[in-house]
Amino acid sequence: MLRTLRSGQGAPLLLIHGHPQTHVMWHRVANDLASHFTVVLMDLRGYGDSARPAADPEHATYSKRAMALDALAVMRHHGFERFQVLAHDRGARVAHRLAADHPAAVQRMLLLDIAPTLAMYSNTTEGFARAYWHWFFLIQPPPLPEALIGTDPVRYLHSVMGKRHAGLAAFAPEALAEYERCVQIPGSAESICEDYRASAGIDLAHDRDDVAAGRKLAMPLRVLWGEHGAVGQCFDVLALWRERALDVSGQPLPCGHYIAEEAPAHLLDQALNFFTT
């Protein structure tokens, strides 16, 4: 079961959230986007009010390939075979795999505050490891990370979200309460860990296959990142995406990691310019 919502009229636009959030992260831009597009929001498997499937030894259940199939199924459920995508963080990694595996479905794609997963793991520095400590904590073998998160899921969420550039003050109280509610749903800790274990394992294998075969994304791709965030500070975002895609544009925005909540007006300007071109 996947939680989805639909609003507005016009060309279809899929919004995919990041970790450790839900579709609610789009609350400052979704209504404005729905004035121009048919906006479809979803909670990724393992997050929000979507199902939390059991893990498997290869972590394939939480591979971005499996999650991309979820996204494709959601859009087909709403009657769309071809659509545009706006995605953040983990959702942007799902969107990357969606575009790579199902290029006929994705017209244009706007990704927020990520570089390609393979490049980020391959080029990890001390600065990145310190800023993104959870990438290396969550991939440890079970049951340790799950057990530690499970002692106080809200403390974990606050630690991840509150220690970035803008702190917890960046989030509307109602949105933060929703993130807190969902991270306490049974199975959330296990799902979060499996999402990251997949990214450090089976997802890298899928990415290496693409690189070895010389496959690149052909649809227009725009990438935005926070000038105060670790991704832009630790990686050459545009250069790394140009290794994986043919038509790439992008720039930093005056914010940290949580672009849709820290800089919604800037994001709307970028999205409307890109998706209505």
C-alpha atoms as a PDB file:
ATOM      1  CA  MET A   1       0.000   0.000   0.000  1.00  0.00           C
ATOM      2  CA  LEU A   2       1.298   3.427  -1.008  1.00  0.00           C
ATOM      3  CA  ARG A   3      -0.094   6.714   0.282  1.00  0.00           C
ATOM      4  CA  THR A   4      -0.748   9.126  -2.594  1.00  0.00           C
ATOM      5  CA  LEU A   5      -2.524  12.437  -3.082  1.00  0.00           C
ATOM      6  CA  ARG A   6      -3.518  14.325  -6.213  1.00  0.00           C
ATOM      7  CA  SER A   7      -4.366  17.975  -6.752  1.00  0.00           C
ATOM      8  CA  GLY A   8      -4.667  20.539  -9.527  1.00  0.00           C
ATOM      9  CA  GLN A   9      -5.013  20.405 -13.280  1.00  0.00           C
ATOM     10  CA  GLY A  10      -2.628  20.396 -16.187  1.00  0.00           C
ATOM     11  CA  ALA A  11       0.438  18.388 -17.108  1.00  0.00           C
ATOM     12  CA  PRO A  12       1.301  15.673 -14.560  1.00  0.00           C
ATOM     13  CA  LEU A  13       4.069  16.377 -12.038  1.00  0.00           C
ATOM     14  CA  LEU A  14       5.221  13.757  -9.522  1.00  0.00           C
ATOM     15  CA  LEU A  15       6.724  14.976  -6.223  1.00  0.00           C
ATOM     16  CA  ILE A  16       8.883  12.545  -4.210  1.00  0.00           C
ATOM     17  CA  HIS A  17      10.097  13.346  -0.696  1.00  0.00           C
ATOM     18  CA  GLY A  18      13.329  12.547   1.120  1.00  0.00           C
ATOM     19  CA  HIS A  19      14.481  11.041   4.418  1.00  0.00           C
ATOM     20  CA  PRO A  20      13.307  11.146   7.168  1.00  0.00           C
ATOM     21  CA  GLN A  21      10.245  12.976   5.893  1.00  0.00           C
ATOM     22  CA  THR A  22       6.983  12.364   4.049  1.00  0.00           C
ATOM     23  CA  HIS A  23       5.006  13.991   1.234  1.00  0.00           C
ATOM     24  CA  VAL A  24       4.239  16.777   3.726  1.00  0.00           C
ATOM     25  CA  MET A  25       7.682  18.298   3.027  1.00  0.00           C
ATOM     26  CA  TRP A  26       6.143  19.874  -0.104  1.00  0.00           C
ATOM     27  CA  HIS A  27       3.506  21.831   1.860  1.00  0.00           C
ATOM     28  CA  ARG A  28       5.058  25.238   1.089  1.00  0.00           C
ATOM     29  CA  VAL A  29       5.089  24.715  -2.696  1.00  0.00           C
ATOM     30  CA  ALA A  30       2.461  22.083  -3.553  1.00  0.00           C
ATOM     31  CA  ASN A  31      -0.557  24.404  -3.780  1.00  0.00           C
ATOM     32  CA  ASP A  32       1.265  26.855  -6.043  1.00  0.00           C
ATOM     33  CA  LEU A  33       2.448  24.010  -8.261  1.00  0.00           C
ATOM     34  CA  ALA A  34      -1.106  22.676  -8.409  1.00  0.00           C
ATOM     35  CA  SER A  35      -2.143  25.963 -10.008  1.00  0.00           C
ATOM     36  CA  HIS A  36      -0.088  24.952 -13.033  1.00  0.00           C
ATOM     37  CA  PHE A  37       0.105  21.134 -12.962  1.00  0.00           C
ATOM     38  CA  THR A  38      -1.684  18.008 -11.875  1.00  0.00           C
ATOM     39  CA  VAL A  39       0.457  17.356  -8.816  1.00  0.00           C
ATOM     40  CA  VAL A  40       0.787  13.808  -7.515  1.00  0.00           C
ATOM     41  CA  LEU A  41       2.436  13.282  -4.129  1.00  0.00           C
ATOM     42  CA  MET A  42       3.431   9.958  -2.638  1.00  0.00           C
ATOM     43  CA  ASP A  43       5.004   8.523   0.487  1.00  0.00           C
ATOM     44  CA  LEU A  44       7.863   6.198  -0.420  1.00  0.00           C
ATOM     45  CA  ARG A  45       7.677   2.627   0.803  1.00  0.00           C
ATOM     46  CA  GLY A  46       8.944   2.558   4.361  1.00  0.00           C
ATOM     47  CA  TYR A  47       8.014   6.202   5.008  1.00  0.00           C
ATOM     48  CA  GLY A  48       4.955   8.220   5.911  1.00  0.00           C
ATOM     49  CA  ASP A  49       1.749   6.231   5.728  1.00  0.00           C
ATOM     50  CA  SER A  50       2.968   3.842   3.028  1.00  0.00           C
ATOM     51  CA  ALA A  51       3.603   0.174   3.769  1.00  0.00           C
ATOM     52  CA  ARG A  52       6.814  -1.059   5.355  1.00  0.00           C
ATOM     53  CA  PRO A  53       7.674  -4.315   3.541  1.00  0.00           C
ATOM     54  CA  ALA A  54       9.868  -6.876   5.258  1.00  0.00           C
ATOM     55  CA  ALA A  55      13.575  -6.830   4.475  1.00  0.00           C
ATOM     56  CA  ASP A  56      15.373  -9.390   2.326  1.00  0.00           C
ATOM     57  CA  PRO A  57      19.035 -10.487   2.447  1.00  0.00           C
ATOM     58  CA  GLU A  58      19.966  -8.589  -0.748  1.00  0.00           C
ATOM     59  CA  HIS A  59      18.062  -5.430   0.331  1.00  0.00           C
ATOM     60  CA  ALA A  60      16.278  -5.565  -3.036  1.00  0.00           C
ATOM     61  CA  THR A  61      12.934  -4.751  -1.427  1.00  0.00           C
ATOM     62  CA  TYR A  62      14.236  -1.258  -0.692  1.00  0.00           C
ATOM     63  CA  SER A  63      16.346  -0.844  -3.813  1.00  0.00           C
ATOM     64  CA  LYS A  64      15.749   2.345  -5.737  1.00  0.00           C
ATOM     65  CA  ARG A  65      14.748   0.081  -8.638  1.00  0.00           C
ATOM     66  CA  ALA A  66      11.863  -1.289  -6.571  1.00  0.00           C
ATOM     67  CA  MET A  67      10.927   2.157  -5.310  1.00  0.00           C
ATOM     68  CA  ALA A  68      11.021   3.500  -8.879  1.00  0.00           C
ATOM     69  CA  LEU A  69       8.513   0.837  -9.868  1.00  0.00           C
ATOM     70  CA  ASP A  70       6.306   2.090  -7.029  1.00  0.00           C
ATOM     71  CA  ALA A  71       6.482   5.612  -8.444  1.00  0.00           C
ATOM     72  CA  LEU A  72       5.671   4.370 -11.924  1.00  0.00           C
ATOM     73  CA  ALA A  73       2.706   2.400 -10.574  1.00  0.00           C
ATOM     74  CA  VAL A  74       1.420   5.452  -8.701  1.00  0.00           C
ATOM     75  CA  MET A  75       1.461   7.590 -11.826  1.00  0.00           C
ATOM     76  CA  ARG A  76      -0.186   4.878 -13.909  1.00  0.00           C
ATOM     77  CA  HIS A  77      -2.838   4.520 -11.201  1.00  0.00           C
ATOM     78  CA  HIS A  78      -3.592   8.208 -11.692  1.00  0.00           C
ATOM     79  CA  GLY A  79      -3.736   7.727 -15.466  1.00  0.00           C
ATOM     80  CA  PHE A  80      -0.319   9.062 -16.489  1.00  0.00           C
ATOM     81  CA  GLU A  81       2.172   7.157 -18.628  1.00  0.00           C
ATOM     82  CA  ARG A  82       4.495  10.133 -19.116  1.00  0.00           C
ATOM     83  CA  PHE A  83       5.174  12.894 -16.588  1.00  0.00           C
ATOM     84  CA  GLN A  84       7.670  15.287 -15.024  1.00  0.00           C
ATOM     85  CA  VAL A  85       9.383  14.708 -11.668  1.00  0.00           C
ATOM     86  CA  LEU A  86      10.466  16.946  -8.788  1.00  0.00           C
ATOM     87  CA  ALA A  87      12.292  15.030  -6.069  1.00  0.00           C
ATOM     88  CA  HIS A  88      14.436  15.625  -2.985  1.00  0.00           C
ATOM     89  CA  ASP A  89      17.104  13.614  -1.182  1.00  0.00           C
ATOM     90  CA  ARG A  90      16.183   9.888  -1.102  1.00  0.00           C
ATOM     91  CA  GLY A  91      13.296  10.624  -3.422  1.00  0.00           C
ATOM     92  CA  ALA A  92      15.742  12.134  -5.882  1.00  0.00           C
ATOM     93  CA  ARG A  93      17.703   8.864  -5.858  1.00  0.00           C
ATOM     94  CA  VAL A  94      14.468   7.029  -6.598  1.00  0.00           C
ATOM     95  CA  ALA A  95      13.800   9.513  -9.408  1.00  0.00           C
ATOM     96  CA  HIS A  96      17.274   8.929 -10.864  1.00  0.00           C
ATOM     97  CA  ARG A  97      16.613   5.197 -11.056  1.00  0.00           C
ATOM     98  CA  LEU A  98      13.101   5.818 -12.420  1.00  0.00           C
ATOM     99  CA  ALA A  99      14.544   7.913 -15.252  1.00  0.00           C
ATOM    100  CA  ALA A 100      17.328   5.400 -15.909  1.00  0.00           C
ATOM    101  CA  ASP A 101      15.068   2.332 -15.978  1.00  0.00           C
ATOM    102  CA  HIS A 102      11.969   3.912 -17.553  1.00  0.00           C
ATOM    103  CA  PRO A 103      13.188   6.818 -19.712  1.00  0.00           C
ATOM    104  CA  ALA A 104      10.023   6.879 -21.813  1.00  0.00           C
ATOM    105  CA  ALA A 105       8.007   7.778 -18.705  1.00  0.00           C
ATOM    106  CA  VAL A 106      10.034  10.793 -17.549  1.00  0.00           C
ATOM    107  CA  GLN A 107       9.822  13.987 -19.593  1.00  0.00           C
ATOM    108  CA  ARG A 108      11.889  16.254 -17.359  1.00  0.00           C
ATOM    109  CA  MET A 109      13.398  15.891 -13.921  1.00  0.00           C
ATOM    110  CA  LEU A 110      14.361  18.383 -11.198  1.00  0.00           C
ATOM    111  CA  LEU A 111      16.472  16.917  -8.384  1.00  0.00           C
ATOM    112  CA  LEU A 112      17.181  18.632  -5.076  1.00  0.00           C
ATOM    113  CA  ASP A 113      20.442  18.502  -3.131  1.00  0.00           C
ATOM    114  CA  ILE A 114      22.002  15.275  -4.326  1.00  0.00           C
ATOM    115  CA  ALA A 115      24.882  14.132  -6.472  1.00  0.00           C
ATOM    116  CA  PRO A 116      24.740  10.618  -7.947  1.00  0.00           C
ATOM    117  CA  THR A 117      24.867   7.976  -5.202  1.00  0.00           C
ATOM    118  CA  LEU A 118      27.813   6.104  -6.711  1.00  0.00           C
ATOM    119  CA  ALA A 119      29.858   9.294  -6.981  1.00  0.00           C
ATOM    120  CA  MET A 120      29.093  10.324  -3.416  1.00  0.00           C
ATOM    121  CA  TYR A 121      30.184   6.995  -1.946  1.00  0.00           C
ATOM    122  CA  SER A 122      33.211   6.770  -4.241  1.00  0.00           C
ATOM    123  CA  ASN A 123      34.382  10.297  -3.405  1.00  0.00           C
ATOM    124  CA  THR A 124      33.617  10.409   0.305  1.00  0.00           C
ATOM    125  CA  THR A 125      35.792  12.814   2.285  1.00  0.00           C
ATOM    126  CA  GLU A 126      36.158  13.345   6.004  1.00  0.00           C
ATOM    127  CA  GLY A 127      33.962  16.425   5.754  1.00  0.00           C
ATOM    128  CA  PHE A 128      31.196  14.541   3.996  1.00  0.00           C
ATOM    129  CA  ALA A 129      31.399  11.599   6.419  1.00  0.00           C
ATOM    130  CA  ARG A 130      31.048  13.942   9.382  1.00  0.00           C
ATOM    131  CA  ALA A 131      28.093  15.800   7.861  1.00  0.00           C
ATOM    132  CA  TYR A 132      26.340  12.673   6.569  1.00  0.00           C
ATOM    133  CA  TRP A 133      27.162  10.363   9.481  1.00  0.00           C
ATOM    134  CA  HIS A 134      23.775   8.661   9.133  1.00  0.00           C
ATOM    135  CA  TRP A 135      24.810   7.264   5.708  1.00  0.00           C
ATOM    136  CA  PHE A 136      27.384   5.099   7.474  1.00  0.00           C
ATOM    137  CA  PHE A 137      25.441   4.423  10.666  1.00  0.00           C
ATOM    138  CA  LEU A 138      22.279   3.142   8.961  1.00  0.00           C
ATOM    139  CA  ILE A 139      24.074   0.643   6.712  1.00  0.00           C
ATOM    140  CA  GLN A 140      25.565  -1.291   9.626  1.00  0.00           C
ATOM    141  CA  PRO A 141      24.252  -4.868   9.949  1.00  0.00           C
ATOM    142  CA  PRO A 142      20.996  -5.404  11.833  1.00  0.00           C
ATOM    143  CA  PRO A 143      19.822  -5.176  14.502  1.00  0.00           C
ATOM    144  CA  LEU A 144      22.056  -2.470  15.997  1.00  0.00           C
ATOM    145  CA  PRO A 145      20.955   0.651  14.043  1.00  0.00           C
ATOM    146  CA  GLU A 146      17.301  -0.354  14.249  1.00  0.00           C
ATOM    147  CA  ALA A 147      17.589  -0.963  17.990  1.00  0.00           C
ATOM    148  CA  LEU A 148      19.258   2.383  18.650  1.00  0.00           C
ATOM    149  CA  ILE A 149      16.721   4.325  16.557  1.00  0.00           C
ATOM    150  CA  GLY A 150      13.889   2.378  18.166  1.00  0.00           C
ATOM    151  CA  THR A 151      14.782   3.589  21.662  1.00  0.00           C
ATOM    152  CA  ASP A 152      13.675   7.089  20.669  1.00  0.00           C
ATOM    153  CA  PRO A 153      12.708   7.576  16.991  1.00  0.00           C
ATOM    154  CA  VAL A 154      11.911  11.259  17.466  1.00  0.00           C
ATOM    155  CA  ARG A 155      15.370  11.884  18.912  1.00  0.00           C
ATOM    156  CA  TYR A 156      16.871  10.247  15.811  1.00  0.00           C
ATOM    157  CA  LEU A 157      14.738  12.399  13.507  1.00  0.00           C
ATOM    158  CA  HIS A 158      15.687  15.576  15.370  1.00  0.00           C
ATOM    159  CA  SER A 159      19.359  14.614  15.242  1.00  0.00           C
ATOM    160  CA  VAL A 160      19.318  14.167  11.471  1.00  0.00           C
ATOM    161  CA  MET A 161      17.161  17.169  10.621  1.00  0.00           C
ATOM    162  CA  GLY A 162      18.087  19.580  13.379  1.00  0.00           C
ATOM    163  CA  LYS A 163      21.854  19.504  12.969  1.00  0.00           C
ATOM    164  CA  ARG A 164      21.815  20.834   9.420  1.00  0.00           C
ATOM    165  CA  HIS A 165      22.185  24.460   8.386  1.00  0.00           C
ATOM    166  CA  ALA A 166      18.798  25.886   9.449  1.00  0.00           C
ATOM    167  CA  GLY A 167      18.095  23.623  12.430  1.00  0.00           C
ATOM    168  CA  LEU A 168      14.586  22.556  13.397  1.00  0.00           C
ATOM    169  CA  ALA A 169      13.365  26.144  13.088  1.00  0.00           C
ATOM    170  CA  ALA A 170      13.157  25.605   9.316  1.00  0.00           C
ATOM    171  CA  PHE A 171      10.136  23.329   9.713  1.00  0.00           C
ATOM    172  CA  ALA A 172       6.546  24.360  10.330  1.00  0.00           C
ATOM    173  CA  PRO A 173       5.337  22.868  13.624  1.00  0.00           C
ATOM    174  CA  GLU A 174       2.538  20.975  11.879  1.00  0.00           C
ATOM    175  CA  ALA A 175       4.964  19.451   9.371  1.00  0.00           C
ATOM    176  CA  LEU A 176       7.490  18.496  12.038  1.00  0.00           C
ATOM    177  CA  ALA A 177       4.715  16.860  14.073  1.00  0.00           C
ATOM    178  CA  GLU A 178       3.788  14.775  11.026  1.00  0.00           C
ATOM    179  CA  TYR A 179       7.393  13.639  10.511  1.00  0.00           C
ATOM    180  CA  GLU A 180       7.542  12.750  14.213  1.00  0.00           C
ATOM    181  CA  ARG A 181       4.302  10.766  14.015  1.00  0.00           C
ATOM    182  CA  CYS A 182       5.388   8.751  11.019  1.00  0.00           C
ATOM    183  CA  VAL A 183       8.877   7.883  12.252  1.00  0.00           C
ATOM    184  CA  GLN A 184       7.224   6.275  15.294  1.00  0.00           C
ATOM    185  CA  ILE A 185       5.072   3.915  13.191  1.00  0.00           C
ATOM    186  CA  PRO A 186       6.230   0.339  13.861  1.00  0.00           C
ATOM    187  CA  GLY A 187       8.713  -0.859  11.255  1.00  0.00           C
ATOM    188  CA  SER A 188       9.998   2.623  10.410  1.00  0.00           C
ATOM    189  CA  ALA A 189      13.479   2.092  11.818  1.00  0.00           C
ATOM    190  CA  GLU A 190      13.879  -1.170   9.903  1.00  0.00           C
ATOM    191  CA  SER A 191      12.665   0.429   6.671  1.00  0.00           C
ATOM    192  CA  ILE A 192      14.973   3.420   6.999  1.00  0.00           C
ATOM    193  CA  CYS A 193      17.980   1.164   7.541  1.00  0.00           C
ATOM    194  CA  GLU A 194      17.045  -1.037   4.587  1.00  0.00           C
ATOM    195  CA  ASP A 195      16.681   2.009   2.338  1.00  0.00           C
ATOM    196  CA  TYR A 196      20.260   3.011   3.129  1.00  0.00           C
ATOM    197  CA  ARG A 197      21.651  -0.524   3.033  1.00  0.00           C
ATOM    198  CA  ALA A 198      20.209  -0.843  -0.453  1.00  0.00           C
ATOM    199  CA  SER A 199      21.884   2.418  -1.488  1.00  0.00           C
ATOM    200  CA  ALA A 200      25.261   1.147  -0.303  1.00  0.00           C
ATOM    201  CA  GLY A 201      24.837  -2.241  -1.967  1.00  0.00           C
ATOM    202  CA  ILE A 202      22.395  -3.260  -4.681  1.00  0.00           C
ATOM    203  CA  ASP A 203      21.817   0.325  -5.823  1.00  0.00           C
ATOM    204  CA  LEU A 204      25.547   0.792  -6.409  1.00  0.00           C
ATOM    205  CA  ALA A 205      25.573  -2.392  -8.489  1.00  0.00           C
ATOM    206  CA  HIS A 206      22.765  -0.994 -10.662  1.00  0.00           C
ATOM    207  CA  ASP A 207      24.624   2.310 -11.026  1.00  0.00           C
ATOM    208  CA  ARG A 208      27.868   0.569 -11.965  1.00  0.00           C
ATOM    209  CA  ASP A 209      25.998  -1.378 -14.644  1.00  0.00           C
ATOM    210  CA  ASP A 210      24.779   1.900 -16.148  1.00  0.00           C
ATOM    211  CA  VAL A 211      28.251   3.411 -16.100  1.00  0.00           C
ATOM    212  CA  ALA A 212      29.858   0.297 -17.599  1.00  0.00           C
ATOM    213  CA  ALA A 213      27.281   0.257 -20.400  1.00  0.00           C
ATOM    214  CA  GLY A 214      27.718   3.976 -21.085  1.00  0.00           C
ATOM    215  CA  ARG A 215      24.042   4.689 -20.393  1.00  0.00           C
ATOM    216  CA  LYS A 216      23.197   8.319 -19.685  1.00  0.00           C
ATOM    217  CA  LEU A 217      19.935  10.089 -18.961  1.00  0.00           C
ATOM    218  CA  ALA A 218      18.680  11.836 -22.090  1.00  0.00           C
ATOM    219  CA  MET A 219      15.757  13.904 -20.724  1.00  0.00           C
ATOM    220  CA  PRO A 220      16.415  17.470 -19.509  1.00  0.00           C
ATOM    221  CA  LEU A 221      17.741  17.386 -15.950  1.00  0.00           C
ATOM    222  CA  ARG A 222      18.045  20.302 -13.562  1.00  0.00           C
ATOM    223  CA  VAL A 223      19.810  19.971 -10.209  1.00  0.00           C
ATOM    224  CA  LEU A 224      19.605  22.446  -7.337  1.00  0.00           C
ATOM    225  CA  TRP A 225      21.521  22.340  -4.104  1.00  0.00           C
ATOM    226  CA  GLY A 226      21.773  24.396  -0.934  1.00  0.00           C
ATOM    227  CA  GLU A 227      24.827  26.633  -0.846  1.00  0.00           C
ATOM    228  CA  HIS A 228      25.033  25.991   2.897  1.00  0.00           C
ATOM    229  CA  GLY A 229      24.636  22.216   2.565  1.00  0.00           C
ATOM    230  CA  ALA A 230      27.214  19.438   2.584  1.00  0.00           C
ATOM    231  CA  VAL A 231      26.449  18.202  -0.934  1.00  0.00           C
ATOM    232  CA  GLY A 232      27.472  21.421  -2.639  1.00  0.00           C
ATOM    233  CA  GLN A 233      30.393  21.960  -0.290  1.00  0.00           C
ATOM    234  CA  CYS A 234      31.821  18.458  -0.731  1.00  0.00           C
ATOM    235  CA  PHE A 235      31.062  17.697  -4.407  1.00  0.00           C
ATOM    236  CA  ASP A 236      31.075  19.362  -7.821  1.00  0.00           C
ATOM    237  CA  VAL A 237      27.394  18.678  -8.334  1.00  0.00           C
ATOM    238  CA  LEU A 238      27.057  19.754 -11.961  1.00  0.00           C
ATOM    239  CA  ALA A 239      30.219  17.960 -13.078  1.00  0.00           C
ATOM    240  CA  LEU A 240      29.132  14.695 -11.461  1.00  0.00           C
ATOM    241  CA  TRP A 241      25.664  14.842 -13.009  1.00  0.00           C
ATOM    242  CA  ARG A 242      27.149  15.591 -16.411  1.00  0.00           C
ATOM    243  CA  GLU A 243      28.898  12.240 -16.154  1.00  0.00           C
ATOM    244  CA  ARG A 244      25.477  10.572 -15.869  1.00  0.00           C
ATOM    245  CA  ALA A 245      23.211  12.741 -18.047  1.00  0.00           C
ATOM    246  CA  LEU A 246      23.361  14.510 -21.405  1.00  0.00           C
ATOM    247  CA  ASP A 247      21.345  17.676 -20.724  1.00  0.00           C
ATOM    248  CA  VAL A 248      22.127  19.102 -17.282  1.00  0.00           C
ATOM    249  CA  SER A 249      21.594  22.558 -15.807  1.00  0.00           C
ATOM    250  CA  GLY A 250      21.563  23.758 -12.236  1.00  0.00           C
ATOM    251  CA  GLN A 251      22.737  26.077  -9.510  1.00  0.00           C
ATOM    252  CA  PRO A 252      22.949  26.524  -5.752  1.00  0.00           C
ATOM    253  CA  LEU A 253      20.177  28.222  -3.795  1.00  0.00           C
ATOM    254  CA  PRO A 254      20.580  30.373  -0.640  1.00  0.00           C
ATOM    255  CA  CYS A 255      19.632  27.688   1.869  1.00  0.00           C
ATOM    256  CA  GLY A 256      20.675  24.374   3.338  1.00  0.00           C
ATOM    257  CA  HIS A 257      19.558  20.838   2.551  1.00  0.00           C
ATOM    258  CA  TYR A 258      15.774  21.203   2.961  1.00  0.00           C
ATOM    259  CA  ILE A 259      15.209  23.433  -0.069  1.00  0.00           C
ATOM    260  CA  ALA A 260      11.415  23.087  -0.306  1.00  0.00           C
ATOM    261  CA  GLU A 261      11.001  24.262   3.283  1.00  0.00           C
ATOM    262  CA  GLU A 262      13.931  26.678   3.588  1.00  0.00           C
ATOM    263  CA  ALA A 263      13.650  28.430   0.206  1.00  0.00           C
ATOM    264  CA  PRO A 264      10.201  27.695  -1.259  1.00  0.00           C
ATOM    265  CA  ALA A 265       9.990  30.892  -3.338  1.00  0.00           C
ATOM    266  CA  HIS A 266      13.330  30.176  -4.996  1.00  0.00           C
ATOM    267  CA  LEU A 267      12.283  26.589  -5.663  1.00  0.00           C
ATOM    268  CA  LEU A 268       8.972  27.649  -7.198  1.00  0.00           C
ATOM    269  CA  ASP A 269      10.731  30.058  -9.535  1.00  0.00           C
ATOM    270  CA  GLN A 270      13.100  27.330 -10.645  1.00  0.00           C
ATOM    271  CA  ALA A 271      10.383  24.693 -11.008  1.00  0.00           C
ATOM    272  CA  LEU A 272       8.016  26.878 -13.016  1.00  0.00           C
ATOM    273  CA  ASN A 273      10.833  28.017 -15.285  1.00  0.00           C
ATOM    274  CA  PHE A 274      12.029  24.473 -15.868  1.00  0.00           C
ATOM    275  CA  PHE A 275       8.773  22.565 -16.157  1.00  0.00           C
ATOM    276  CA  THR A 276       6.951  25.101 -18.323  1.00  0.00           C
ATOM    277  CA  THR A 277       9.797  25.642 -20.822  1.00  0.00           C
END
